[in-house]
Amino acid sequence: MHPFIIAIVTTAVIFLSPKPIFAQEKSDEAIYQKRMELYKKAEAVSLIPWYYFAAIDQYERNVRQVRRDLPKPTGALGIYIKPEIWAGPLNKNPYDTNPFSISQFGGFGMDGNGDGVADPKNDEDVIFAMARFLQSYGIDHKRIKMALWDYYQRSKTVDLILGKVKIYKKYHTLKLDGHVFPLPLHTDYSYRDTWGDARGWGGRRIHEGTDIFANYGVPVRSTCYGIVELKGWNKYGGWRIGIRDINNNYHYFAHLNGFPPHLREGQIVEPGTIIGYVGSSGYGPPGTAGKFPPHLHYGMYKDNGYTEWAFDPYPHLKAWEQAQKRNKKQGDSHLK
């Protein structure tokens, strides 16, 4: 087994955040620029495209924001390397910053900025250490995927990171935090906070989402930049679709009347992309419809690198709706 992995596979008690948190960073041109500079430096020394480093960093940043067992980021990057991995699994000093002794114990850490110290809190040292690790497997996509599996030991994590790779590769930017309300604002719709309401069909359960009532056939739009992770039928949600965004959130759209003909799993979508139409499907075998008024069930789920849970999407729906209304008043045609 790779020496870096020995300590990684050691299990630990995971303390989950007591409340679901939607990890949405504020737009900050300076921090985006700083991160891109670091990714490009790593690309230059490893020949691995920058968007792999961006995807790893973005994944880890969002994980750290919702986990209580991990320290919060202090620099521009979100990548966290455990002390025992950084210093080497057999190193008696898990906080060792000497590049030579770290290398003797098969540690991850290295001196990336040339100051003679391998500092796990220094962004350059961290990004160069990650670059060296990935490069040790190879620089093509298949080998990088193998490196990610060996490092994280979780197929879901690998899939989430590679999804972000596709998104960053397409848009060539880190600023992908735009959102829209799932229905066009000019349509007739209504909604309230239905989080936690009781549901009886299929057994007693709580409502994990917000119901937005509208007429049949009203277009349903992607609320974010993301990857279509799931599309098809579910006996509860009927025709439904799931989209994973760059913040590790899963956006769930259910009870649809159908999908656009071009839509497919693995497709990249952006705010405003039509992904379906309001319907009343569900509560039975494929094709069942009409057991309730037409509406969109919208849910949000967070992955924290260990598990996934639902949280109330209502505050985010209200924020996106209000932001679009402000844009409209200001004459901004973007993301209406």
C-alpha atoms as a PDB file:
ATOM      1  CA  MET A   1       0.000   0.000   0.000  1.00  0.00           C
ATOM      2  CA  HIS A   2       1.201   3.522  -0.800  1.00  0.00           C
ATOM      3  CA  PRO A   3       2.733   5.075   2.372  1.00  0.00           C
ATOM      4  CA  PHE A   4       0.533   8.148   2.035  1.00  0.00           C
ATOM      5  CA  ILE A   5      -2.557   5.975   2.236  1.00  0.00           C
ATOM      6  CA  ILE A   6      -1.773   4.020   5.403  1.00  0.00           C
ATOM      7  CA  ALA A   7      -2.966   6.750   7.712  1.00  0.00           C
ATOM      8  CA  ILE A   8      -5.727   7.891   5.389  1.00  0.00           C
ATOM      9  CA  VAL A   9      -7.577   4.604   5.623  1.00  0.00           C
ATOM     10  CA  THR A  10      -7.460   4.718   9.422  1.00  0.00           C
ATOM     11  CA  THR A  11     -11.008   5.471  10.442  1.00  0.00           C
ATOM     12  CA  ALA A  12     -12.034   8.204  12.855  1.00  0.00           C
ATOM     13  CA  VAL A  13     -15.236   9.388  14.451  1.00  0.00           C
ATOM     14  CA  ILE A  14     -16.811  12.007  12.187  1.00  0.00           C
ATOM     15  CA  PHE A  15     -18.528  14.870  13.943  1.00  0.00           C
ATOM     16  CA  LEU A  16     -21.188  16.231  11.638  1.00  0.00           C
ATOM     17  CA  SER A  17     -22.308  19.809  11.676  1.00  0.00           C
ATOM     18  CA  PRO A  18     -25.481  20.002  13.805  1.00  0.00           C
ATOM     19  CA  LYS A  19     -27.236  22.130  11.196  1.00  0.00           C
ATOM     20  CA  PRO A  20     -27.175  21.862   7.416  1.00  0.00           C
ATOM     21  CA  ILE A  21     -24.996  24.591   5.981  1.00  0.00           C
ATOM     22  CA  PHE A  22     -25.094  25.836   2.425  1.00  0.00           C
ATOM     23  CA  ALA A  23     -21.462  26.627   1.692  1.00  0.00           C
ATOM     24  CA  GLN A  24     -21.706  29.541  -0.730  1.00  0.00           C
ATOM     25  CA  GLU A  25     -18.736  31.847  -0.779  1.00  0.00           C
ATOM     26  CA  LYS A  26     -19.047  35.508  -1.625  1.00  0.00           C
ATOM     27  CA  SER A  27     -17.699  36.587  -4.960  1.00  0.00           C
ATOM     28  CA  ASP A  28     -14.170  37.784  -4.359  1.00  0.00           C
ATOM     29  CA  GLU A  29     -12.075  38.548  -7.410  1.00  0.00           C
ATOM     30  CA  ALA A  30      -8.839  38.742  -5.403  1.00  0.00           C
ATOM     31  CA  ILE A  31      -9.188  35.293  -3.858  1.00  0.00           C
ATOM     32  CA  TYR A  32     -10.195  33.763  -7.192  1.00  0.00           C
ATOM     33  CA  GLN A  33      -7.119  35.304  -8.784  1.00  0.00           C
ATOM     34  CA  LYS A  34      -4.849  34.047  -5.983  1.00  0.00           C
ATOM     35  CA  ARG A  35      -6.203  30.531  -6.274  1.00  0.00           C
ATOM     36  CA  MET A  36      -5.836  30.491 -10.029  1.00  0.00           C
ATOM     37  CA  GLU A  37      -2.211  31.613  -9.699  1.00  0.00           C
ATOM     38  CA  LEU A  38      -1.539  28.682  -7.373  1.00  0.00           C
ATOM     39  CA  TYR A  39      -3.279  26.193  -9.677  1.00  0.00           C
ATOM     40  CA  LYS A  40      -1.307  27.480 -12.663  1.00  0.00           C
ATOM     41  CA  LYS A  41       1.981  27.153 -10.763  1.00  0.00           C
ATOM     42  CA  ALA A  42       1.112  23.550  -9.932  1.00  0.00           C
ATOM     43  CA  GLU A  43       0.234  22.965 -13.585  1.00  0.00           C
ATOM     44  CA  ALA A  44       3.582  24.375 -14.707  1.00  0.00           C
ATOM     45  CA  VAL A  45       5.649  22.040 -12.520  1.00  0.00           C
ATOM     46  CA  SER A  46       3.518  18.900 -12.922  1.00  0.00           C
ATOM     47  CA  LEU A  47       2.022  19.258 -16.428  1.00  0.00           C
ATOM     48  CA  ILE A  48      -1.339  18.390 -14.874  1.00  0.00           C
ATOM     49  CA  PRO A  49      -4.068  20.823 -16.045  1.00  0.00           C
ATOM     50  CA  TRP A  50      -5.023  23.474 -13.495  1.00  0.00           C
ATOM     51  CA  TYR A  51      -8.654  22.410 -13.309  1.00  0.00           C
ATOM     52  CA  TYR A  52      -7.745  19.180 -11.482  1.00  0.00           C
ATOM     53  CA  PHE A  53      -6.218  21.206  -8.665  1.00  0.00           C
ATOM     54  CA  ALA A  54      -9.189  23.592  -8.702  1.00  0.00           C
ATOM     55  CA  ALA A  55     -11.614  20.673  -8.409  1.00  0.00           C
ATOM     56  CA  ILE A  56      -9.735  19.065  -5.504  1.00  0.00           C
ATOM     57  CA  ASP A  57      -9.461  22.388  -3.723  1.00  0.00           C
ATOM     58  CA  GLN A  58     -13.131  23.252  -4.209  1.00  0.00           C
ATOM     59  CA  TYR A  59     -14.253  19.820  -3.019  1.00  0.00           C
ATOM     60  CA  GLU A  60     -12.135  19.985   0.137  1.00  0.00           C
ATOM     61  CA  ARG A  61     -13.060  23.588   0.897  1.00  0.00           C
ATOM     62  CA  ASN A  62     -16.749  22.729   0.991  1.00  0.00           C
ATOM     63  CA  VAL A  63     -16.146  19.595   3.035  1.00  0.00           C
ATOM     64  CA  ARG A  64     -14.238  21.582   5.642  1.00  0.00           C
ATOM     65  CA  GLN A  65     -17.026  24.147   5.879  1.00  0.00           C
ATOM     66  CA  VAL A  66     -19.538  21.536   7.053  1.00  0.00           C
ATOM     67  CA  ARG A  67     -17.365  19.214   9.157  1.00  0.00           C
ATOM     68  CA  ARG A  68     -16.565  19.839  12.800  1.00  0.00           C
ATOM     69  CA  ASP A  69     -13.670  17.368  12.895  1.00  0.00           C
ATOM     70  CA  LEU A  70     -11.617  19.330  10.334  1.00  0.00           C
ATOM     71  CA  PRO A  71      -9.978  22.734  10.839  1.00  0.00           C
ATOM     72  CA  LYS A  72     -11.363  25.630   8.831  1.00  0.00           C
ATOM     73  CA  PRO A  73      -9.188  26.947   5.979  1.00  0.00           C
ATOM     74  CA  THR A  74      -6.884  29.827   6.884  1.00  0.00           C
ATOM     75  CA  GLY A  75      -5.313  30.516   3.483  1.00  0.00           C
ATOM     76  CA  ALA A  76      -6.469  30.819  -0.100  1.00  0.00           C
ATOM     77  CA  LEU A  77      -6.682  27.051  -0.553  1.00  0.00           C
ATOM     78  CA  GLY A  78      -9.064  24.601   1.097  1.00  0.00           C
ATOM     79  CA  ILE A  79      -6.910  21.481   0.719  1.00  0.00           C
ATOM     80  CA  TYR A  80      -6.218  19.854   4.083  1.00  0.00           C
ATOM     81  CA  ILE A  81      -3.544  17.200   4.579  1.00  0.00           C
ATOM     82  CA  LYS A  82      -3.617  15.439   7.931  1.00  0.00           C
ATOM     83  CA  PRO A  83      -0.457  15.828  10.067  1.00  0.00           C
ATOM     84  CA  GLU A  84       0.339  12.116  10.010  1.00  0.00           C
ATOM     85  CA  ILE A  85       0.093  12.118   6.227  1.00  0.00           C
ATOM     86  CA  TRP A  86       2.106  15.294   5.819  1.00  0.00           C
ATOM     87  CA  ALA A  87       4.934  14.183   8.121  1.00  0.00           C
ATOM     88  CA  GLY A  88       4.830  10.472   7.227  1.00  0.00           C
ATOM     89  CA  PRO A  89       2.904   7.641   8.895  1.00  0.00           C
ATOM     90  CA  LEU A  90       5.959   6.379  10.836  1.00  0.00           C
ATOM     91  CA  ASN A  91       7.258   9.809  11.804  1.00  0.00           C
ATOM     92  CA  LYS A  92       7.181  10.248  15.586  1.00  0.00           C
ATOM     93  CA  ASN A  93       6.713  13.973  15.037  1.00  0.00           C
ATOM     94  CA  PRO A  94       3.400  14.444  13.174  1.00  0.00           C
ATOM     95  CA  TYR A  95       4.079  18.192  13.017  1.00  0.00           C
ATOM     96  CA  ASP A  96       7.488  17.843  11.383  1.00  0.00           C
ATOM     97  CA  THR A  97       8.263  20.607   8.862  1.00  0.00           C
ATOM     98  CA  ASN A  98      11.760  19.480   7.893  1.00  0.00           C
ATOM     99  CA  PRO A  99      11.628  18.468   4.197  1.00  0.00           C
ATOM    100  CA  PHE A 100      14.466  15.982   4.579  1.00  0.00           C
ATOM    101  CA  SER A 101      13.115  14.068   7.579  1.00  0.00           C
ATOM    102  CA  ILE A 102       9.610  14.117   6.064  1.00  0.00           C
ATOM    103  CA  SER A 103      10.979  12.507   2.898  1.00  0.00           C
ATOM    104  CA  GLN A 104      12.770   9.854   4.963  1.00  0.00           C
ATOM    105  CA  PHE A 105       9.487   8.795   6.522  1.00  0.00           C
ATOM    106  CA  GLY A 106       7.595   8.784   3.212  1.00  0.00           C
ATOM    107  CA  GLY A 107       5.642  11.910   4.122  1.00  0.00           C
ATOM    108  CA  PHE A 108       3.477  13.961   1.830  1.00  0.00           C
ATOM    109  CA  GLY A 109       4.928  17.343   2.761  1.00  0.00           C
ATOM    110  CA  MET A 110       7.414  19.333   0.753  1.00  0.00           C
ATOM    111  CA  ASP A 111       8.919  22.800   0.517  1.00  0.00           C
ATOM    112  CA  GLY A 112       7.084  24.393  -2.368  1.00  0.00           C
ATOM    113  CA  ASN A 113       8.149  28.031  -1.978  1.00  0.00           C
ATOM    114  CA  GLY A 114      11.860  27.481  -1.340  1.00  0.00           C
ATOM    115  CA  ASP A 115      12.015  28.765   2.240  1.00  0.00           C
ATOM    116  CA  GLY A 116      13.434  25.497   3.584  1.00  0.00           C
ATOM    117  CA  VAL A 117      10.255  24.632   5.497  1.00  0.00           C
ATOM    118  CA  ALA A 118       7.535  22.137   4.557  1.00  0.00           C
ATOM    119  CA  ASP A 119       4.582  23.957   6.090  1.00  0.00           C
ATOM    120  CA  PRO A 120       1.161  22.263   5.822  1.00  0.00           C
ATOM    121  CA  LYS A 121      -0.483  25.669   6.303  1.00  0.00           C
ATOM    122  CA  ASN A 122       1.408  27.301   3.444  1.00  0.00           C
ATOM    123  CA  ASP A 123      -0.601  27.353   0.219  1.00  0.00           C
ATOM    124  CA  GLU A 124       2.391  26.875  -2.074  1.00  0.00           C
ATOM    125  CA  ASP A 125       3.776  23.979  -0.049  1.00  0.00           C
ATOM    126  CA  VAL A 126       0.351  22.301  -0.038  1.00  0.00           C
ATOM    127  CA  ILE A 127      -0.405  22.706  -3.746  1.00  0.00           C
ATOM    128  CA  PHE A 128       3.067  21.507  -4.768  1.00  0.00           C
ATOM    129  CA  ALA A 129       2.774  18.505  -2.451  1.00  0.00           C
ATOM    130  CA  MET A 130      -0.550  17.601  -4.056  1.00  0.00           C
ATOM    131  CA  ALA A 131       0.954  18.110  -7.517  1.00  0.00           C
ATOM    132  CA  ARG A 132       3.853  15.782  -6.719  1.00  0.00           C
ATOM    133  CA  PHE A 133       1.482  13.137  -5.396  1.00  0.00           C
ATOM    134  CA  LEU A 134      -0.748  13.197  -8.483  1.00  0.00           C
ATOM    135  CA  GLN A 135       2.255  13.310 -10.804  1.00  0.00           C
ATOM    136  CA  SER A 136       3.671  10.173  -9.188  1.00  0.00           C
ATOM    137  CA  TYR A 137       0.765   8.263 -10.765  1.00  0.00           C
ATOM    138  CA  GLY A 138       0.941   9.962 -14.162  1.00  0.00           C
ATOM    139  CA  ILE A 139      -0.519  13.029 -15.805  1.00  0.00           C
ATOM    140  CA  ASP A 140      -3.328  11.590 -17.935  1.00  0.00           C
ATOM    141  CA  HIS A 141      -6.951  11.534 -16.773  1.00  0.00           C
ATOM    142  CA  LYS A 142      -7.081   7.789 -16.096  1.00  0.00           C
ATOM    143  CA  ARG A 143      -4.005   7.844 -13.847  1.00  0.00           C
ATOM    144  CA  ILE A 144      -5.130  10.962 -12.023  1.00  0.00           C
ATOM    145  CA  LYS A 145      -8.412   9.195 -11.316  1.00  0.00           C
ATOM    146  CA  MET A 146      -6.441   6.284  -9.836  1.00  0.00           C
ATOM    147  CA  ALA A 147      -4.480   8.722  -7.659  1.00  0.00           C
ATOM    148  CA  LEU A 148      -7.693  10.286  -6.376  1.00  0.00           C
ATOM    149  CA  TRP A 149      -9.101   6.878  -5.479  1.00  0.00           C
ATOM    150  CA  ASP A 150      -5.945   5.895  -3.599  1.00  0.00           C
ATOM    151  CA  TYR A 151      -5.940   9.215  -1.759  1.00  0.00           C
ATOM    152  CA  TYR A 152      -9.616   9.464  -0.772  1.00  0.00           C
ATOM    153  CA  GLN A 153     -10.653   5.784  -0.760  1.00  0.00           C
ATOM    154  CA  ARG A 154     -14.221   6.816  -1.651  1.00  0.00           C
ATOM    155  CA  SER A 155     -15.701   6.473  -5.107  1.00  0.00           C
ATOM    156  CA  LYS A 156     -18.309   9.184  -4.456  1.00  0.00           C
ATOM    157  CA  THR A 157     -15.582  11.688  -3.679  1.00  0.00           C
ATOM    158  CA  VAL A 158     -13.729  10.814  -6.865  1.00  0.00           C
ATOM    159  CA  ASP A 159     -16.918  11.283  -8.891  1.00  0.00           C
ATOM    160  CA  LEU A 160     -17.624  14.667  -7.286  1.00  0.00           C
ATOM    161  CA  ILE A 161     -14.114  15.928  -7.967  1.00  0.00           C
ATOM    162  CA  LEU A 162     -14.122  14.734 -11.581  1.00  0.00           C
ATOM    163  CA  GLY A 163     -17.500  16.418 -12.071  1.00  0.00           C
ATOM    164  CA  LYS A 164     -15.947  19.708 -10.984  1.00  0.00           C
ATOM    165  CA  VAL A 165     -13.049  19.044 -13.360  1.00  0.00           C
ATOM    166  CA  LYS A 166     -15.511  18.933 -16.270  1.00  0.00           C
ATOM    167  CA  ILE A 167     -17.176  22.163 -15.199  1.00  0.00           C
ATOM    168  CA  TYR A 168     -13.960  24.141 -14.715  1.00  0.00           C
ATOM    169  CA  LYS A 169     -12.550  22.772 -17.952  1.00  0.00           C
ATOM    170  CA  LYS A 170     -15.601  23.998 -19.871  1.00  0.00           C
ATOM    171  CA  TYR A 171     -15.920  27.489 -18.394  1.00  0.00           C
ATOM    172  CA  HIS A 172     -12.225  28.311 -17.776  1.00  0.00           C
ATOM    173  CA  THR A 173     -13.099  30.318 -14.669  1.00  0.00           C
ATOM    174  CA  LEU A 174     -13.502  29.820 -10.932  1.00  0.00           C
ATOM    175  CA  LYS A 175     -16.371  32.276 -10.629  1.00  0.00           C
ATOM    176  CA  LEU A 176     -19.322  29.937 -11.026  1.00  0.00           C
ATOM    177  CA  ASP A 177     -21.481  30.975  -8.088  1.00  0.00           C
ATOM    178  CA  GLY A 178     -24.483  32.311 -10.023  1.00  0.00           C
ATOM    179  CA  HIS A 179     -27.980  30.966  -9.258  1.00  0.00           C
ATOM    180  CA  VAL A 180     -31.532  31.437 -10.533  1.00  0.00           C
ATOM    181  CA  PHE A 181     -34.986  30.589  -9.246  1.00  0.00           C
ATOM    182  CA  PRO A 182     -36.077  27.220 -10.736  1.00  0.00           C
ATOM    183  CA  LEU A 183     -39.157  28.664 -12.490  1.00  0.00           C
ATOM    184  CA  PRO A 184     -39.262  31.736 -14.747  1.00  0.00           C
ATOM    185  CA  LEU A 185     -40.340  34.718 -12.666  1.00  0.00           C
ATOM    186  CA  HIS A 186     -42.954  35.826 -15.206  1.00  0.00           C
ATOM    187  CA  THR A 187     -44.950  32.597 -14.694  1.00  0.00           C
ATOM    188  CA  ASP A 188     -47.753  32.125 -12.185  1.00  0.00           C
ATOM    189  CA  TYR A 189     -46.376  30.182  -9.213  1.00  0.00           C
ATOM    190  CA  SER A 190     -46.634  30.067  -5.426  1.00  0.00           C
ATOM    191  CA  TYR A 191     -44.674  28.456  -2.629  1.00  0.00           C
ATOM    192  CA  ARG A 192     -44.040  28.508   1.093  1.00  0.00           C
ATOM    193  CA  ASP A 193     -41.633  26.774   3.436  1.00  0.00           C
ATOM    194  CA  THR A 194     -42.859  23.157   3.492  1.00  0.00           C
ATOM    195  CA  TRP A 195     -39.705  21.727   5.045  1.00  0.00           C
ATOM    196  CA  GLY A 196     -40.498  19.007   7.597  1.00  0.00           C
ATOM    197  CA  ASP A 197     -44.205  18.686   6.752  1.00  0.00           C
ATOM    198  CA  ALA A 198     -45.623  15.189   7.171  1.00  0.00           C
ATOM    199  CA  ARG A 199     -46.000  12.897   4.164  1.00  0.00           C
ATOM    200  CA  GLY A 200     -48.026   9.662   4.278  1.00  0.00           C
ATOM    201  CA  TRP A 201     -47.730   7.956   0.890  1.00  0.00           C
ATOM    202  CA  GLY A 202     -45.252   5.085   1.070  1.00  0.00           C
ATOM    203  CA  GLY A 203     -45.000   5.320   4.849  1.00  0.00           C
ATOM    204  CA  ARG A 204     -44.775   8.177   7.311  1.00  0.00           C
ATOM    205  CA  ARG A 205     -41.905  10.525   6.501  1.00  0.00           C
ATOM    206  CA  ILE A 206     -41.052  14.209   6.530  1.00  0.00           C
ATOM    207  CA  HIS A 207     -41.018  16.475   3.511  1.00  0.00           C
ATOM    208  CA  GLU A 208     -37.409  17.130   2.481  1.00  0.00           C
ATOM    209  CA  GLY A 209     -37.834  20.150   0.271  1.00  0.00           C
ATOM    210  CA  THR A 210     -40.044  23.001  -0.928  1.00  0.00           C
ATOM    211  CA  ASP A 211     -43.112  22.590  -3.149  1.00  0.00           C
ATOM    212  CA  ILE A 212     -43.515  25.261  -5.815  1.00  0.00           C
ATOM    213  CA  PHE A 213     -47.020  25.136  -7.325  1.00  0.00           C
ATOM    214  CA  ALA A 214     -47.462  26.109 -10.971  1.00  0.00           C
ATOM    215  CA  ASN A 215     -49.342  25.029 -14.089  1.00  0.00           C
ATOM    216  CA  TYR A 216     -48.537  21.962 -16.137  1.00  0.00           C
ATOM    217  CA  GLY A 217     -45.737  22.493 -18.604  1.00  0.00           C
ATOM    218  CA  VAL A 218     -44.077  25.497 -16.959  1.00  0.00           C
ATOM    219  CA  PRO A 219     -40.321  25.210 -17.694  1.00  0.00           C
ATOM    220  CA  VAL A 220     -38.118  24.051 -14.842  1.00  0.00           C
ATOM    221  CA  ARG A 221     -34.600  25.447 -14.899  1.00  0.00           C
ATOM    222  CA  SER A 222     -31.292  24.456 -13.388  1.00  0.00           C
ATOM    223  CA  THR A 223     -30.628  26.728 -10.442  1.00  0.00           C
ATOM    224  CA  CYS A 224     -26.842  26.419 -10.685  1.00  0.00           C
ATOM    225  CA  TYR A 225     -23.760  25.382 -12.596  1.00  0.00           C
ATOM    226  CA  GLY A 226     -23.467  21.637 -12.259  1.00  0.00           C
ATOM    227  CA  ILE A 227     -23.545  18.114 -13.638  1.00  0.00           C
ATOM    228  CA  VAL A 228     -26.704  16.083 -14.270  1.00  0.00           C
ATOM    229  CA  GLU A 229     -26.047  13.263 -11.844  1.00  0.00           C
ATOM    230  CA  LEU A 230     -29.369  11.439 -12.135  1.00  0.00           C
ATOM    231  CA  LYS A 231     -32.368  11.415 -14.467  1.00  0.00           C
ATOM    232  CA  GLY A 232     -35.363   9.091 -14.562  1.00  0.00           C
ATOM    233  CA  TRP A 233     -38.271   7.701 -12.568  1.00  0.00           C
ATOM    234  CA  ASN A 234     -38.727   7.299  -8.845  1.00  0.00           C
ATOM    235  CA  LYS A 235     -41.963   5.998  -7.285  1.00  0.00           C
ATOM    236  CA  TYR A 236     -42.027   8.943  -4.881  1.00  0.00           C
ATOM    237  CA  GLY A 237     -40.707  11.761  -7.063  1.00  0.00           C
ATOM    238  CA  GLY A 238     -41.981  10.552 -10.433  1.00  0.00           C
ATOM    239  CA  TRP A 239     -39.934  11.921 -13.301  1.00  0.00           C
ATOM    240  CA  ARG A 240     -37.072  13.613 -11.529  1.00  0.00           C
ATOM    241  CA  ILE A 241     -33.591  14.920 -12.089  1.00  0.00           C
ATOM    242  CA  GLY A 242     -30.621  15.520  -9.790  1.00  0.00           C
ATOM    243  CA  ILE A 243     -27.869  18.062 -10.393  1.00  0.00           C
ATOM    244  CA  ARG A 244     -24.598  18.269  -8.448  1.00  0.00           C
ATOM    245  CA  ASP A 245     -23.078  21.748  -8.170  1.00  0.00           C
ATOM    246  CA  ILE A 246     -19.495  22.823  -7.472  1.00  0.00           C
ATOM    247  CA  ASN A 247     -20.255  23.261  -3.749  1.00  0.00           C
ATOM    248  CA  ASN A 248     -20.998  19.534  -3.227  1.00  0.00           C
ATOM    249  CA  ASN A 249     -24.749  20.277  -3.142  1.00  0.00           C
ATOM    250  CA  TYR A 250     -27.225  17.968  -4.840  1.00  0.00           C
ATOM    251  CA  HIS A 251     -30.253  19.776  -6.314  1.00  0.00           C
ATOM    252  CA  TYR A 252     -33.322  17.539  -6.646  1.00  0.00           C
ATOM    253  CA  PHE A 253     -36.216  18.376  -9.001  1.00  0.00           C
ATOM    254  CA  ALA A 254     -39.233  16.042  -8.784  1.00  0.00           C
ATOM    255  CA  HIS A 255     -42.794  15.414 -10.092  1.00  0.00           C
ATOM    256  CA  LEU A 256     -41.822  16.615 -13.567  1.00  0.00           C
ATOM    257  CA  ASN A 257     -44.040  16.247 -16.614  1.00  0.00           C
ATOM    258  CA  GLY A 258     -41.059  15.375 -18.799  1.00  0.00           C
ATOM    259  CA  PHE A 259     -37.557  16.325 -19.902  1.00  0.00           C
ATOM    260  CA  PRO A 260     -36.091  18.183 -22.888  1.00  0.00           C
ATOM    261  CA  PRO A 261     -35.039  15.632 -25.531  1.00  0.00           C
ATOM    262  CA  HIS A 262     -31.354  16.596 -25.381  1.00  0.00           C
ATOM    263  CA  LEU A 263     -30.923  16.244 -21.619  1.00  0.00           C
ATOM    264  CA  ARG A 264     -28.725  13.360 -20.459  1.00  0.00           C
ATOM    265  CA  GLU A 265     -26.845  12.177 -17.368  1.00  0.00           C
ATOM    266  CA  GLY A 266     -23.340  13.581 -17.185  1.00  0.00           C
ATOM    267  CA  GLN A 267     -24.333  16.762 -19.029  1.00  0.00           C
ATOM    268  CA  ILE A 268     -23.094  20.126 -17.807  1.00  0.00           C
ATOM    269  CA  VAL A 269     -25.858  22.637 -17.075  1.00  0.00           C
ATOM    270  CA  GLU A 270     -25.829  26.250 -15.961  1.00  0.00           C
ATOM    271  CA  PRO A 271     -28.282  28.631 -14.264  1.00  0.00           C
ATOM    272  CA  GLY A 272     -31.320  28.906 -16.506  1.00  0.00           C
ATOM    273  CA  THR A 273     -30.818  25.693 -18.510  1.00  0.00           C
ATOM    274  CA  ILE A 274     -34.249  24.081 -19.029  1.00  0.00           C
ATOM    275  CA  ILE A 275     -34.146  20.613 -17.478  1.00  0.00           C
ATOM    276  CA  GLY A 276     -37.852  19.695 -17.355  1.00  0.00           C
ATOM    277  CA  TYR A 277     -41.445  20.857 -17.011  1.00  0.00           C
ATOM    278  CA  VAL A 278     -43.840  21.123 -14.084  1.00  0.00           C
ATOM    279  CA  GLY A 279     -46.088  18.097 -13.695  1.00  0.00           C
ATOM    280  CA  SER A 280     -47.756  15.809 -11.153  1.00  0.00           C
ATOM    281  CA  SER A 281     -45.892  12.541 -11.708  1.00  0.00           C
ATOM    282  CA  GLY A 282     -45.103  10.098  -8.927  1.00  0.00           C
ATOM    283  CA  TYR A 283     -46.609   8.068  -6.090  1.00  0.00           C
ATOM    284  CA  GLY A 284     -46.687   4.880  -8.114  1.00  0.00           C
ATOM    285  CA  PRO A 285     -45.141   2.887 -10.969  1.00  0.00           C
ATOM    286  CA  PRO A 286     -43.671   4.619 -14.050  1.00  0.00           C
ATOM    287  CA  GLY A 287     -46.244   6.861 -15.703  1.00  0.00           C
ATOM    288  CA  THR A 288     -48.352   7.505 -12.595  1.00  0.00           C
ATOM    289  CA  ALA A 289     -49.589  11.100 -12.481  1.00  0.00           C
ATOM    290  CA  GLY A 290     -52.431  13.260 -11.207  1.00  0.00           C
ATOM    291  CA  LYS A 291     -52.483  12.167  -7.562  1.00  0.00           C
ATOM    292  CA  PHE A 292     -51.816  15.756  -6.469  1.00  0.00           C
ATOM    293  CA  PRO A 293     -51.862  19.248  -8.032  1.00  0.00           C
ATOM    294  CA  PRO A 294     -49.040  20.054 -10.451  1.00  0.00           C
ATOM    295  CA  HIS A 295     -45.962  21.406  -8.715  1.00  0.00           C
ATOM    296  CA  LEU A 296     -42.188  21.213  -8.544  1.00  0.00           C
ATOM    297  CA  HIS A 297     -40.665  19.525  -5.535  1.00  0.00           C
ATOM    298  CA  TYR A 298     -37.247  21.122  -5.019  1.00  0.00           C
ATOM    299  CA  GLY A 299     -34.787  19.614  -2.563  1.00  0.00           C
ATOM    300  CA  MET A 300     -31.164  20.229  -1.608  1.00  0.00           C
ATOM    301  CA  TYR A 301     -28.662  17.779  -0.139  1.00  0.00           C
ATOM    302  CA  LYS A 302     -25.121  18.293   1.094  1.00  0.00           C
ATOM    303  CA  ASP A 303     -22.211  15.856   0.769  1.00  0.00           C
ATOM    304  CA  ASN A 304     -19.508  16.280   3.413  1.00  0.00           C
ATOM    305  CA  GLY A 305     -17.046  13.643   2.237  1.00  0.00           C
ATOM    306  CA  TYR A 306     -18.559  11.059   4.547  1.00  0.00           C
ATOM    307  CA  THR A 307     -22.318  11.107   4.134  1.00  0.00           C
ATOM    308  CA  GLU A 308     -25.129  13.193   2.657  1.00  0.00           C
ATOM    309  CA  TRP A 309     -28.158  14.835   4.220  1.00  0.00           C
ATOM    310  CA  ALA A 310     -31.070  17.057   3.237  1.00  0.00           C
ATOM    311  CA  PHE A 311     -31.441  20.654   4.313  1.00  0.00           C
ATOM    312  CA  ASP A 312     -34.123  23.321   3.876  1.00  0.00           C
ATOM    313  CA  PRO A 313     -33.885  24.922   0.411  1.00  0.00           C
ATOM    314  CA  TYR A 314     -36.496  27.600   1.118  1.00  0.00           C
ATOM    315  CA  PRO A 315     -34.082  30.364   2.260  1.00  0.00           C
ATOM    316  CA  HIS A 316     -31.999  29.883  -0.867  1.00  0.00           C
ATOM    317  CA  LEU A 317     -35.031  29.913  -3.141  1.00  0.00           C
ATOM    318  CA  LYS A 318     -36.148  33.213  -1.619  1.00  0.00           C
ATOM    319  CA  ALA A 319     -32.663  34.688  -1.963  1.00  0.00           C
ATOM    320  CA  TRP A 320     -32.348  33.661  -5.627  1.00  0.00           C
ATOM    321  CA  GLU A 321     -35.853  34.940  -6.397  1.00  0.00           C
ATOM    322  CA  GLN A 322     -35.177  38.308  -4.775  1.00  0.00           C
ATOM    323  CA  ALA A 323     -31.788  38.635  -6.492  1.00  0.00           C
ATOM    324  CA  GLN A 324     -33.409  38.047  -9.882  1.00  0.00           C
ATOM    325  CA  LYS A 325     -36.086  40.631  -9.161  1.00  0.00           C
ATOM    326  CA  ARG A 326     -33.387  43.161  -8.275  1.00  0.00           C
ATOM    327  CA  ASN A 327     -31.531  42.348 -11.492  1.00  0.00           C
ATOM    328  CA  LYS A 328     -34.716  42.897 -13.462  1.00  0.00           C
ATOM    329  CA  LYS A 329     -35.316  46.290 -11.880  1.00  0.00           C
ATOM    330  CA  GLN A 330     -31.725  47.272 -12.613  1.00  0.00           C
ATOM    331  CA  GLY A 331     -32.133  46.245 -16.244  1.00  0.00           C
ATOM    332  CA  ASP A 332     -29.606  43.405 -15.993  1.00  0.00           C
ATOM    333  CA  SER A 333     -30.620  40.701 -18.464  1.00  0.00           C
ATOM    334  CA  HIS A 334     -28.178  38.172 -17.001  1.00  0.00           C
ATOM    335  CA  LEU A 335     -29.678  35.267 -15.063  1.00  0.00           C
ATOM    336  CA  LYS A 336     -33.278  36.477 -15.081  1.00  0.00           C
END
